[in-house]
Amino acid sequence: MAENDNQNQQAAPQADAAATRFSVQRVFVKDASFEAPDAPECFRRPYNPQINFNINSRSRKIEDNFYEVVLRLTADVKQDDKTLFLVEVQQAGVFEIAGLEGDRLEQVLMITCPSILFPYGREAVDALVVKGSFPALMLAPVNFDAVYLQAKRSQAEQARAQGEVNAN
């Protein structure tokens, strides 16, 4: 009898796994921009840049189990308060996600999908910078788990602060 109960308990997770589906349908560049406003003068000076890098993502449901996720990578590179170049890439993907809801779906859209898109976006940024005749801009890997957890902490702190303001 106990043996039969174990078989039933093992069947439930397998059924859940069969209902859960994740696949990459397409990866594409949605938008790309490169500006070098100080060129060609900037090429005549030693290259000692200050790099300001920003990354964010957004997602939207396209239809039933299909979602678009857009990862926006922006690098504003300056030297002596002059912009050497500004590059922005919106790396996007269409993902099929079924059997997930709530927090788990949010985590996949905010962690898993951007983690898949980032290497493509990093390569697109680097290619634009090199085509602009600047040294390669190899962006460091991003820990999207940590980014997500930090964003959740910030939201919780803001909600707590807002609750305190409303209570007074």
C-alpha atoms as a PDB file:
ATOM      1  CA  MET A   1       0.000   0.000   0.000  1.00  0.00           C
ATOM      2  CA  ALA A   2       2.792   2.445   0.910  1.00  0.00           C
ATOM      3  CA  GLU A   3       4.456   1.594  -2.390  1.00  0.00           C
ATOM      4  CA  ASN A   4       1.297   2.627  -4.244  1.00  0.00           C
ATOM      5  CA  ASP A   5       1.151   5.968  -2.357  1.00  0.00           C
ATOM      6  CA  ASN A   6       4.735   6.762  -3.430  1.00  0.00           C
ATOM      7  CA  GLN A   7       3.847   6.170  -7.073  1.00  0.00           C
ATOM      8  CA  ASN A   8       0.894   8.574  -6.812  1.00  0.00           C
ATOM      9  CA  GLN A   9       3.049  11.241  -5.152  1.00  0.00           C
ATOM     10  CA  GLN A  10       5.648  10.948  -7.915  1.00  0.00           C
ATOM     11  CA  ALA A  11       3.011  11.216 -10.653  1.00  0.00           C
ATOM     12  CA  ALA A  12       1.774  14.625  -9.440  1.00  0.00           C
ATOM     13  CA  PRO A  13       5.095  16.492  -9.970  1.00  0.00           C
ATOM     14  CA  GLN A  14       5.488  14.840 -13.374  1.00  0.00           C
ATOM     15  CA  ALA A  15       2.014  16.031 -14.402  1.00  0.00           C
ATOM     16  CA  ASP A  16       2.877  19.578 -13.229  1.00  0.00           C
ATOM     17  CA  ALA A  17       6.121  19.481 -15.199  1.00  0.00           C
ATOM     18  CA  ALA A  18       4.278  18.375 -18.332  1.00  0.00           C
ATOM     19  CA  ALA A  19       1.893  21.349 -18.002  1.00  0.00           C
ATOM     20  CA  THR A  20       4.766  23.815 -17.539  1.00  0.00           C
ATOM     21  CA  ARG A  21       6.385  24.904 -20.778  1.00  0.00           C
ATOM     22  CA  PHE A  22       9.132  27.409 -21.600  1.00  0.00           C
ATOM     23  CA  SER A  23      10.673  28.005 -24.993  1.00  0.00           C
ATOM     24  CA  VAL A  24      12.430  30.755 -26.901  1.00  0.00           C
ATOM     25  CA  GLN A  25      10.464  31.510 -30.045  1.00  0.00           C
ATOM     26  CA  ARG A  26      12.592  34.333 -31.449  1.00  0.00           C
ATOM     27  CA  VAL A  27      15.462  36.652 -30.453  1.00  0.00           C
ATOM     28  CA  PHE A  28      15.791  39.967 -32.306  1.00  0.00           C
ATOM     29  CA  VAL A  29      17.100  43.534 -32.128  1.00  0.00           C
ATOM     30  CA  LYS A  30      14.058  45.757 -31.682  1.00  0.00           C
ATOM     31  CA  ASP A  31      15.977  49.045 -31.832  1.00  0.00           C
ATOM     32  CA  ALA A  32      19.617  50.128 -32.016  1.00  0.00           C
ATOM     33  CA  SER A  33      21.197  53.551 -31.926  1.00  0.00           C
ATOM     34  CA  PHE A  34      24.760  54.854 -31.974  1.00  0.00           C
ATOM     35  CA  GLU A  35      25.840  58.500 -31.748  1.00  0.00           C
ATOM     36  CA  ALA A  36      29.358  59.923 -31.681  1.00  0.00           C
ATOM     37  CA  PRO A  37      28.741  63.686 -31.375  1.00  0.00           C
ATOM     38  CA  ASP A  38      32.401  64.608 -30.740  1.00  0.00           C
ATOM     39  CA  ALA A  39      33.809  62.634 -33.694  1.00  0.00           C
ATOM     40  CA  PRO A  40      36.247  63.036 -35.355  1.00  0.00           C
ATOM     41  CA  GLU A  41      37.845  65.409 -32.817  1.00  0.00           C
ATOM     42  CA  CYS A  42      37.667  62.782 -30.053  1.00  0.00           C
ATOM     43  CA  PHE A  43      39.959  60.449 -32.038  1.00  0.00           C
ATOM     44  CA  ARG A  44      42.779  62.997 -31.799  1.00  0.00           C
ATOM     45  CA  ARG A  45      42.910  62.843 -27.980  1.00  0.00           C
ATOM     46  CA  PRO A  46      44.040  60.029 -25.651  1.00  0.00           C
ATOM     47  CA  TYR A  47      41.167  57.674 -24.891  1.00  0.00           C
ATOM     48  CA  ASN A  48      40.331  57.763 -21.170  1.00  0.00           C
ATOM     49  CA  PRO A  49      36.552  57.375 -20.922  1.00  0.00           C
ATOM     50  CA  GLN A  50      34.065  57.388 -18.061  1.00  0.00           C
ATOM     51  CA  ILE A  51      31.354  54.845 -18.784  1.00  0.00           C
ATOM     52  CA  ASN A  52      27.803  55.152 -17.492  1.00  0.00           C
ATOM     53  CA  PHE A  53      25.936  51.905 -18.174  1.00  0.00           C
ATOM     54  CA  ASN A  54      22.227  51.383 -17.617  1.00  0.00           C
ATOM     55  CA  ILE A  55      20.106  48.281 -18.109  1.00  0.00           C
ATOM     56  CA  ASN A  56      16.398  47.660 -17.719  1.00  0.00           C
ATOM     57  CA  SER A  57      13.758  45.323 -19.044  1.00  0.00           C
ATOM     58  CA  ARG A  58      10.073  45.235 -19.686  1.00  0.00           C
ATOM     59  CA  SER A  59       7.671  42.545 -20.746  1.00  0.00           C
ATOM     60  CA  ARG A  60       4.208  42.270 -22.175  1.00  0.00           C
ATOM     61  CA  LYS A  61       1.830  39.469 -22.974  1.00  0.00           C
ATOM     62  CA  ILE A  62       1.334  39.124 -26.727  1.00  0.00           C
ATOM     63  CA  GLU A  63      -1.283  36.378 -26.655  1.00  0.00           C
ATOM     64  CA  ASP A  64      -2.213  33.335 -24.591  1.00  0.00           C
ATOM     65  CA  ASN A  65       1.172  31.877 -23.611  1.00  0.00           C
ATOM     66  CA  PHE A  66       3.437  34.211 -25.590  1.00  0.00           C
ATOM     67  CA  TYR A  67       5.365  37.111 -24.077  1.00  0.00           C
ATOM     68  CA  GLU A  68       7.678  39.736 -25.503  1.00  0.00           C
ATOM     69  CA  VAL A  69      10.603  40.714 -23.267  1.00  0.00           C
ATOM     70  CA  VAL A  70      12.736  43.742 -24.173  1.00  0.00           C
ATOM     71  CA  LEU A  71      16.116  44.281 -22.545  1.00  0.00           C
ATOM     72  CA  ARG A  72      17.388  47.837 -23.002  1.00  0.00           C
ATOM     73  CA  LEU A  73      21.157  48.360 -22.740  1.00  0.00           C
ATOM     74  CA  THR A  74      22.464  51.932 -22.744  1.00  0.00           C
ATOM     75  CA  ALA A  75      26.068  53.105 -22.498  1.00  0.00           C
ATOM     76  CA  ASP A  76      26.855  56.806 -22.280  1.00  0.00           C
ATOM     77  CA  VAL A  77      30.627  57.191 -22.636  1.00  0.00           C
ATOM     78  CA  LYS A  78      32.165  60.564 -21.794  1.00  0.00           C
ATOM     79  CA  GLN A  79      35.573  62.104 -21.521  1.00  0.00           C
ATOM     80  CA  ASP A  80      36.216  65.546 -20.049  1.00  0.00           C
ATOM     81  CA  ASP A  81      32.452  66.201 -19.855  1.00  0.00           C
ATOM     82  CA  LYS A  82      32.025  65.559 -23.590  1.00  0.00           C
ATOM     83  CA  THR A  83      30.060  62.616 -24.889  1.00  0.00           C
ATOM     84  CA  LEU A  84      32.352  60.382 -26.926  1.00  0.00           C
ATOM     85  CA  PHE A  85      29.513  58.074 -27.854  1.00  0.00           C
ATOM     86  CA  LEU A  86      26.073  56.995 -26.783  1.00  0.00           C
ATOM     87  CA  VAL A  87      24.890  53.531 -27.702  1.00  0.00           C
ATOM     88  CA  GLU A  88      21.514  51.973 -26.992  1.00  0.00           C
ATOM     89  CA  VAL A  89      20.280  48.540 -27.956  1.00  0.00           C
ATOM     90  CA  GLN A  90      16.852  47.101 -27.294  1.00  0.00           C
ATOM     91  CA  GLN A  91      17.392  43.349 -27.484  1.00  0.00           C
ATOM     92  CA  ALA A  92      14.076  41.529 -27.534  1.00  0.00           C
ATOM     93  CA  GLY A  93      12.692  38.047 -27.546  1.00  0.00           C
ATOM     94  CA  VAL A  94       9.410  36.218 -27.843  1.00  0.00           C
ATOM     95  CA  PHE A  95       8.993  33.463 -25.268  1.00  0.00           C
ATOM     96  CA  GLU A  96       6.360  30.789 -24.852  1.00  0.00           C
ATOM     97  CA  ILE A  97       5.606  30.361 -21.159  1.00  0.00           C
ATOM     98  CA  ALA A  98       2.800  28.072 -20.027  1.00  0.00           C
ATOM     99  CA  GLY A  99       1.812  26.686 -16.644  1.00  0.00           C
ATOM    100  CA  LEU A 100       3.317  29.511 -14.570  1.00  0.00           C
ATOM    101  CA  GLU A 101       1.440  32.278 -12.793  1.00  0.00           C
ATOM    102  CA  GLY A 102       1.994  35.024 -10.265  1.00  0.00           C
ATOM    103  CA  ASP A 103       5.438  35.357  -8.717  1.00  0.00           C
ATOM    104  CA  ARG A 104       6.897  32.426 -10.641  1.00  0.00           C
ATOM    105  CA  LEU A 105       5.857  33.923 -13.989  1.00  0.00           C
ATOM    106  CA  GLU A 106       7.229  37.314 -12.910  1.00  0.00           C
ATOM    107  CA  GLN A 107      10.576  35.707 -12.008  1.00  0.00           C
ATOM    108  CA  VAL A 108      10.852  34.006 -15.396  1.00  0.00           C
ATOM    109  CA  LEU A 109      10.030  37.279 -17.196  1.00  0.00           C
ATOM    110  CA  MET A 110      12.425  39.349 -15.053  1.00  0.00           C
ATOM    111  CA  ILE A 111      15.298  36.885 -14.529  1.00  0.00           C
ATOM    112  CA  THR A 112      15.317  33.976 -16.982  1.00  0.00           C
ATOM    113  CA  CYS A 113      14.347  35.843 -20.149  1.00  0.00           C
ATOM    114  CA  PRO A 114      16.746  38.799 -19.643  1.00  0.00           C
ATOM    115  CA  SER A 115      19.525  36.295 -18.829  1.00  0.00           C
ATOM    116  CA  ILE A 116      18.931  34.685 -22.226  1.00  0.00           C
ATOM    117  CA  LEU A 117      18.780  38.038 -24.056  1.00  0.00           C
ATOM    118  CA  PHE A 118      21.799  39.692 -22.415  1.00  0.00           C
ATOM    119  CA  PRO A 119      24.596  37.951 -24.380  1.00  0.00           C
ATOM    120  CA  TYR A 120      22.891  38.927 -27.653  1.00  0.00           C
ATOM    121  CA  GLY A 121      22.476  42.521 -26.497  1.00  0.00           C
ATOM    122  CA  ARG A 122      26.056  42.700 -25.235  1.00  0.00           C
ATOM    123  CA  GLU A 123      27.322  41.536 -28.632  1.00  0.00           C
ATOM    124  CA  ALA A 124      25.122  44.093 -30.457  1.00  0.00           C
ATOM    125  CA  VAL A 125      26.431  46.939 -28.254  1.00  0.00           C
ATOM    126  CA  ASP A 126      30.024  45.852 -28.811  1.00  0.00           C
ATOM    127  CA  ALA A 127      29.535  45.600 -32.595  1.00  0.00           C
ATOM    128  CA  LEU A 128      28.086  49.124 -32.811  1.00  0.00           C
ATOM    129  CA  VAL A 129      30.917  50.585 -30.714  1.00  0.00           C
ATOM    130  CA  VAL A 130      33.604  48.903 -32.824  1.00  0.00           C
ATOM    131  CA  LYS A 131      31.898  50.031 -36.050  1.00  0.00           C
ATOM    132  CA  GLY A 132      32.010  53.551 -34.596  1.00  0.00           C
ATOM    133  CA  SER A 133      35.815  53.163 -34.525  1.00  0.00           C
ATOM    134  CA  PHE A 134      36.095  52.993 -30.729  1.00  0.00           C
ATOM    135  CA  PRO A 135      37.754  50.246 -28.680  1.00  0.00           C
ATOM    136  CA  ALA A 136      35.472  47.298 -27.852  1.00  0.00           C
ATOM    137  CA  LEU A 137      33.087  47.861 -24.961  1.00  0.00           C
ATOM    138  CA  MET A 138      32.851  44.422 -23.372  1.00  0.00           C
ATOM    139  CA  LEU A 139      30.048  44.648 -20.828  1.00  0.00           C
ATOM    140  CA  ALA A 140      30.428  42.523 -17.717  1.00  0.00           C
ATOM    141  CA  PRO A 141      27.884  39.742 -17.119  1.00  0.00           C
ATOM    142  CA  VAL A 142      24.800  40.744 -15.134  1.00  0.00           C
ATOM    143  CA  ASN A 143      23.326  38.734 -12.266  1.00  0.00           C
ATOM    144  CA  PHE A 144      19.617  39.158 -13.000  1.00  0.00           C
ATOM    145  CA  ASP A 145      18.703  37.223  -9.830  1.00  0.00           C
ATOM    146  CA  ALA A 146      20.404  39.912  -7.733  1.00  0.00           C
ATOM    147  CA  VAL A 147      18.878  42.728  -9.811  1.00  0.00           C
ATOM    148  CA  TYR A 148      15.398  41.239  -9.328  1.00  0.00           C
ATOM    149  CA  LEU A 149      15.854  40.770  -5.577  1.00  0.00           C
ATOM    150  CA  GLN A 150      17.134  44.341  -5.188  1.00  0.00           C
ATOM    151  CA  ALA A 151      14.142  45.688  -7.124  1.00  0.00           C
ATOM    152  CA  LYS A 152      11.757  43.685  -4.901  1.00  0.00           C
ATOM    153  CA  ARG A 153      13.476  45.031  -1.757  1.00  0.00           C
ATOM    154  CA  SER A 154      13.208  48.603  -3.066  1.00  0.00           C
ATOM    155  CA  GLN A 155       9.507  48.108  -3.834  1.00  0.00           C
ATOM    156  CA  ALA A 156       8.907  46.722  -0.335  1.00  0.00           C
ATOM    157  CA  GLU A 157      10.760  49.649   1.268  1.00  0.00           C
ATOM    158  CA  GLN A 158       8.790  52.165  -0.800  1.00  0.00           C
ATOM    159  CA  ALA A 159       5.513  50.461   0.115  1.00  0.00           C
ATOM    160  CA  ARG A 160       6.515  50.479   3.786  1.00  0.00           C
ATOM    161  CA  ALA A 161       7.473  54.181   3.621  1.00  0.00           C
ATOM    162  CA  GLN A 162       4.239  55.000   1.809  1.00  0.00           C
ATOM    163  CA  GLY A 163       2.282  53.115   4.504  1.00  0.00           C
ATOM    164  CA  GLU A 164       3.997  55.132   7.214  1.00  0.00           C
ATOM    165  CA  VAL A 165       3.202  58.410   5.418  1.00  0.00           C
ATOM    166  CA  ASN A 166      -0.449  57.410   4.988  1.00  0.00           C
ATOM    167  CA  ALA A 167      -0.680  56.352   8.659  1.00  0.00           C
ATOM    168  CA  ASN A 168       0.430  59.822   9.813  1.00  0.00           C
END
